[in-house]
Amino acid sequence: MRTAQLPRHRTSTECGPPVLTRFLVVLTDVRAQDGGRDERASPERRRQVVGASSREAAERIAGAFMALGMVRAGRQRVKLIAIGRRRVRG
């Protein structure tokens, strides 16, 4: 399962202080086919939400969730979401 392309951290050659992106890993129930999937109007029921401060940590947590039987059977879904960019003080 591939995730959407997420924003990258700034490199040291860019102006300004570095920017970090926090991540959420969300385990949801897959709902029955109802003609469309509008997450804003009716989001899937969340089973577990875990925060991570780096993309690597978030991918590791998502990998552990993907090993669960309910996810492998297609009854639950794992989502990796980039949230709240913050600047590093230096």
Protein backbone atom coordinates (compact mmCIF):
# COMPACT_ATOMS: atom_id res chain seq x y z
CA MET A 1 0.00 0.00 0.00
CA ARG A 2 1.51 3.34 -1.04
CA THR A 3 0.75 6.62 0.67
CA ALA A 4 0.21 9.94 -1.05
CA GLN A 5 3.31 12.02 -1.70
CA LEU A 6 3.98 14.00 1.48
CA PRO A 7 5.88 17.28 1.78
CA ARG A 8 9.61 16.96 2.31
CA HIS A 9 11.66 18.72 4.96
CA ARG A 10 13.58 21.80 3.86
CA THR A 11 17.21 21.24 3.06
CA SER A 12 20.00 23.21 4.73
CA THR A 13 20.54 25.23 1.53
CA GLU A 14 17.06 26.83 1.74
CA CYS A 15 16.46 30.11 3.58
CA GLY A 16 15.03 30.21 7.08
CA PRO A 17 14.98 27.70 9.93
CA PRO A 18 14.24 24.05 9.11
CA VAL A 19 10.59 22.96 9.06
CA LEU A 20 9.41 19.68 10.61
CA THR A 21 6.18 17.96 9.71
CA ARG A 22 4.30 15.88 12.27
CA PHE A 23 2.37 12.80 11.19
CA LEU A 24 -0.72 10.88 12.25
CA VAL A 25 -1.20 7.18 11.61
CA VAL A 26 -4.90 6.32 11.63
CA LEU A 27 -6.46 2.85 11.70
CA THR A 28 -10.08 2.98 10.47
CA ASP A 29 -12.90 0.56 9.75
CA VAL A 30 -13.71 0.11 6.07
CA ARG A 31 -17.37 0.90 5.51
CA ALA A 32 -19.68 -0.80 3.03
CA GLN A 33 -19.75 0.54 -0.51
CA ASP A 34 -22.21 3.41 -0.42
CA GLY A 35 -21.65 4.91 -3.87
CA GLY A 36 -18.79 7.21 -2.91
CA ARG A 37 -16.15 7.95 -0.36
CA ASP A 38 -16.31 11.51 0.93
CA GLU A 39 -14.10 11.65 4.03
CA ARG A 40 -15.18 15.20 4.88
CA ALA A 41 -18.93 14.48 4.82
CA SER A 42 -18.82 11.07 6.50
CA PRO A 43 -15.37 9.88 7.63
CA GLU A 44 -14.68 6.24 8.40
CA ARG A 45 -14.82 5.23 12.06
CA ARG A 46 -11.40 5.54 13.69
CA ARG A 47 -10.10 2.58 15.70
CA GLN A 48 -6.67 3.94 16.63
CA VAL A 49 -4.82 7.23 16.13
CA VAL A 50 -1.08 7.50 16.80
CA GLY A 51 1.11 10.59 16.43
CA ALA A 52 4.70 10.54 15.18
CA SER A 53 7.30 13.30 14.91
CA SER A 54 9.11 11.86 11.86
CA ARG A 55 8.04 10.20 8.64
CA GLU A 56 10.22 7.16 9.35
CA ALA A 57 8.51 6.60 12.71
CA ALA A 58 5.07 7.03 11.11
CA GLU A 59 5.90 4.51 8.37
CA ARG A 60 7.11 2.03 10.97
CA ILE A 61 3.87 2.36 12.97
CA ALA A 62 1.82 2.08 9.76
CA GLY A 63 3.75 -1.09 8.85
CA ALA A 64 2.87 -2.63 12.21
CA PHE A 65 -0.81 -1.75 11.69
CA MET A 66 -0.71 -3.27 8.18
CA ALA A 67 0.38 -6.59 9.69
CA LEU A 68 -2.90 -6.84 11.65
CA GLY A 69 -5.33 -9.52 10.50
CA MET A 70 -8.28 -7.13 10.06
CA VAL A 71 -6.19 -4.89 7.77
CA ARG A 72 -4.90 -7.84 5.76
CA ALA A 73 -8.47 -9.13 5.41
CA GLY A 74 -9.60 -5.74 4.05
CA ARG A 75 -11.91 -4.84 6.93
CA GLN A 76 -9.71 -2.03 8.26
CA ARG A 77 -7.54 0.57 6.54
CA VAL A 78 -4.31 2.37 7.54
CA LYS A 79 -3.89 6.05 6.68
CA LEU A 80 -0.72 8.13 7.08
CA ILE A 81 -1.45 11.87 7.28
CA ALA A 82 1.00 14.79 7.38
CA ILE A 83 -0.18 17.51 9.79
CA GLY A 84 0.97 20.67 11.55
CA ARG A 85 4.21 21.84 10.06
CA ARG A 86 6.32 23.62 12.66
CA ARG A 87 9.60 25.48 12.55
CA VAL A 88 12.63 24.25 14.49
CA ARG A 89 14.09 26.87 16.79
CA GLY A 90 17.78 27.24 16.58
